[in-house]
N, C-alpha and C. Protein backbone atom coordinates (compact mmCIF):
# COMPACT_ATOMS: atom_id res chain seq x y z
N MET A 1 135.92 60.43 121.91
CA MET A 1 136.34 60.87 123.22
C MET A 1 135.87 62.31 123.44
N LEU A 2 135.43 62.64 124.64
CA LEU A 2 134.87 63.96 124.95
C LEU A 2 135.83 64.80 125.79
N SER A 3 137.11 64.68 125.58
CA SER A 3 138.08 65.40 126.41
C SER A 3 138.03 66.91 126.22
N ASN A 4 137.51 67.40 125.09
CA ASN A 4 137.45 68.83 124.82
C ASN A 4 136.16 69.48 125.32
N VAL A 5 135.25 68.71 125.87
CA VAL A 5 133.97 69.23 126.35
C VAL A 5 134.14 69.73 127.77
N ALA A 6 133.67 70.95 128.02
CA ALA A 6 133.76 71.54 129.37
C ALA A 6 132.85 70.79 130.32
N ASP A 7 133.29 70.67 131.57
CA ASP A 7 132.49 70.02 132.61
C ASP A 7 131.70 71.09 133.34
N PHE A 8 130.45 71.30 132.94
CA PHE A 8 129.62 72.35 133.53
C PHE A 8 129.08 71.99 134.91
N SER A 9 129.29 70.76 135.36
CA SER A 9 128.81 70.37 136.68
C SER A 9 129.61 71.05 137.78
N GLU A 10 130.79 71.59 137.46
CA GLU A 10 131.63 72.24 138.46
C GLU A 10 131.56 73.76 138.40
N VAL A 11 130.68 74.31 137.58
CA VAL A 11 130.54 75.76 137.44
C VAL A 11 129.63 76.28 138.55
N ASP A 12 130.10 77.34 139.26
CA ASP A 12 129.27 77.96 140.29
C ASP A 12 128.22 78.83 139.63
N LEU A 13 126.94 78.54 139.92
CA LEU A 13 125.83 79.30 139.36
C LEU A 13 125.23 80.20 140.42
N ILE A 14 124.68 81.32 139.97
CA ILE A 14 123.99 82.24 140.87
C ILE A 14 122.75 82.76 140.15
N ALA A 15 121.69 83.00 140.90
CA ALA A 15 120.44 83.48 140.30
C ALA A 15 120.47 84.99 140.13
N CYS A 16 120.00 85.45 138.98
CA CYS A 16 119.86 86.88 138.72
C CYS A 16 118.88 87.47 139.74
N GLU A 17 119.22 88.61 140.30
CA GLU A 17 118.38 89.27 141.31
C GLU A 17 117.01 89.65 140.74
N PHE A 18 116.94 89.91 139.44
CA PHE A 18 115.69 90.40 138.84
C PHE A 18 114.86 89.28 138.22
N CYS A 19 115.45 88.49 137.31
CA CYS A 19 114.67 87.49 136.58
C CYS A 19 114.85 86.07 137.09
N LEU A 20 115.79 85.87 138.03
CA LEU A 20 116.08 84.58 138.65
C LEU A 20 116.71 83.56 137.71
N LEU A 21 117.15 83.98 136.52
CA LEU A 21 117.88 83.11 135.61
C LEU A 21 119.21 82.75 136.25
N GLU A 22 119.58 81.47 136.22
CA GLU A 22 120.86 81.06 136.78
C GLU A 22 121.95 81.25 135.74
N VAL A 23 123.00 81.97 136.13
CA VAL A 23 124.13 82.23 135.25
C VAL A 23 125.41 81.88 136.00
N PRO A 24 126.49 81.59 135.28
CA PRO A 24 127.77 81.35 135.96
C PRO A 24 128.19 82.59 136.75
N LEU A 25 128.68 82.38 137.94
CA LEU A 25 129.09 83.48 138.80
C LEU A 25 130.12 84.37 138.11
N THR A 26 130.98 83.77 137.30
CA THR A 26 132.01 84.56 136.62
C THR A 26 131.42 85.49 135.56
N ASP A 27 130.20 85.23 135.09
CA ASP A 27 129.56 86.06 134.07
C ASP A 27 128.56 87.05 134.65
N ALA A 28 128.25 86.96 135.92
CA ALA A 28 127.23 87.81 136.54
C ALA A 28 127.77 89.22 136.81
N LEU A 29 126.92 90.21 136.61
CA LEU A 29 127.24 91.57 137.02
C LEU A 29 127.00 91.64 138.52
N THR A 30 127.88 92.29 139.27
CA THR A 30 127.74 92.29 140.72
C THR A 30 127.81 93.70 141.30
N PRO A 31 126.82 94.53 141.02
CA PRO A 31 126.82 95.86 141.65
C PRO A 31 126.60 95.73 143.16
N GLU A 32 127.41 96.45 143.91
CA GLU A 32 127.28 96.42 145.36
C GLU A 32 126.30 97.50 145.80
N THR A 33 125.35 97.11 146.62
CA THR A 33 124.42 98.07 147.20
C THR A 33 124.92 98.41 148.60
N ASP A 34 124.12 99.12 149.36
CA ASP A 34 124.55 99.56 150.68
C ASP A 34 124.86 98.42 151.64
N ASP A 35 124.04 97.36 151.62
CA ASP A 35 124.23 96.32 152.62
C ASP A 35 124.31 94.90 152.06
N TYR A 36 124.36 94.73 150.76
CA TYR A 36 124.52 93.40 150.17
C TYR A 36 124.99 93.52 148.73
N VAL A 37 125.40 92.41 148.16
CA VAL A 37 125.81 92.37 146.76
C VAL A 37 124.70 91.70 145.97
N ALA A 38 124.28 92.33 144.89
CA ALA A 38 123.23 91.78 144.03
C ALA A 38 123.87 91.31 142.73
N HIS A 39 123.37 90.20 142.20
CA HIS A 39 123.91 89.64 140.96
C HIS A 39 122.84 89.70 139.87
N TYR A 40 123.26 90.06 138.66
CA TYR A 40 122.34 90.18 137.52
C TYR A 40 122.92 89.44 136.33
N CYS A 41 122.04 88.88 135.50
CA CYS A 41 122.49 88.11 134.33
C CYS A 41 122.99 89.01 133.22
N GLY A 42 122.63 90.28 133.25
CA GLY A 42 123.09 91.21 132.22
C GLY A 42 122.63 92.62 132.52
N LEU A 43 123.06 93.53 131.67
CA LEU A 43 122.72 94.94 131.87
C LEU A 43 121.23 95.21 131.76
N GLU A 44 120.54 94.46 130.91
CA GLU A 44 119.10 94.66 130.74
C GLU A 44 118.35 94.42 132.05
N CYS A 45 118.65 93.33 132.74
CA CYS A 45 117.99 93.05 134.02
C CYS A 45 118.40 94.07 135.08
N TYR A 46 119.67 94.45 135.07
CA TYR A 46 120.14 95.45 136.03
C TYR A 46 119.41 96.77 135.84
N GLU A 47 119.27 97.22 134.60
CA GLU A 47 118.57 98.47 134.32
C GLU A 47 117.09 98.38 134.71
N GLN A 48 116.45 97.24 134.45
CA GLN A 48 115.05 97.06 134.83
C GLN A 48 114.91 97.08 136.35
N TRP A 49 115.85 96.48 137.06
CA TRP A 49 115.82 96.48 138.52
C TRP A 49 115.97 97.90 139.05
N LYS A 50 116.91 98.68 138.47
CA LYS A 50 117.09 100.07 138.90
C LYS A 50 115.83 100.89 138.64
N GLN A 51 115.21 100.70 137.47
CA GLN A 51 113.99 101.44 137.14
C GLN A 51 112.85 101.07 138.09
N GLN A 52 112.77 99.83 138.47
CA GLN A 52 111.73 99.36 139.40
C GLN A 52 111.85 100.10 140.73
N GLY A 53 113.08 100.32 141.19
CA GLY A 53 113.30 101.05 142.43
C GLY A 53 112.90 102.51 142.34
N ARG A 54 113.07 103.11 141.16
CA ARG A 54 112.70 104.51 140.96
C ARG A 54 111.19 104.69 140.90
N ASP A 55 110.48 103.65 140.43
CA ASP A 55 109.03 103.74 140.26
C ASP A 55 108.27 103.65 141.58
N LYS A 56 108.93 103.22 142.63
CA LYS A 56 108.23 103.04 143.92
C LYS A 56 108.02 104.33 144.63
């Protein structure tokens, strides 16, 4: 019996703003910018996204 297995079909997923990896919404970092909320799969992608903005 699989009663202890989580049902991942009901998990809300969101794409990372930088790498587009889909992660559960509850695990995503959500820094708010001036006019929208961006979601990241982790600090590494968030830092790369911030650095990309500085390089422009």
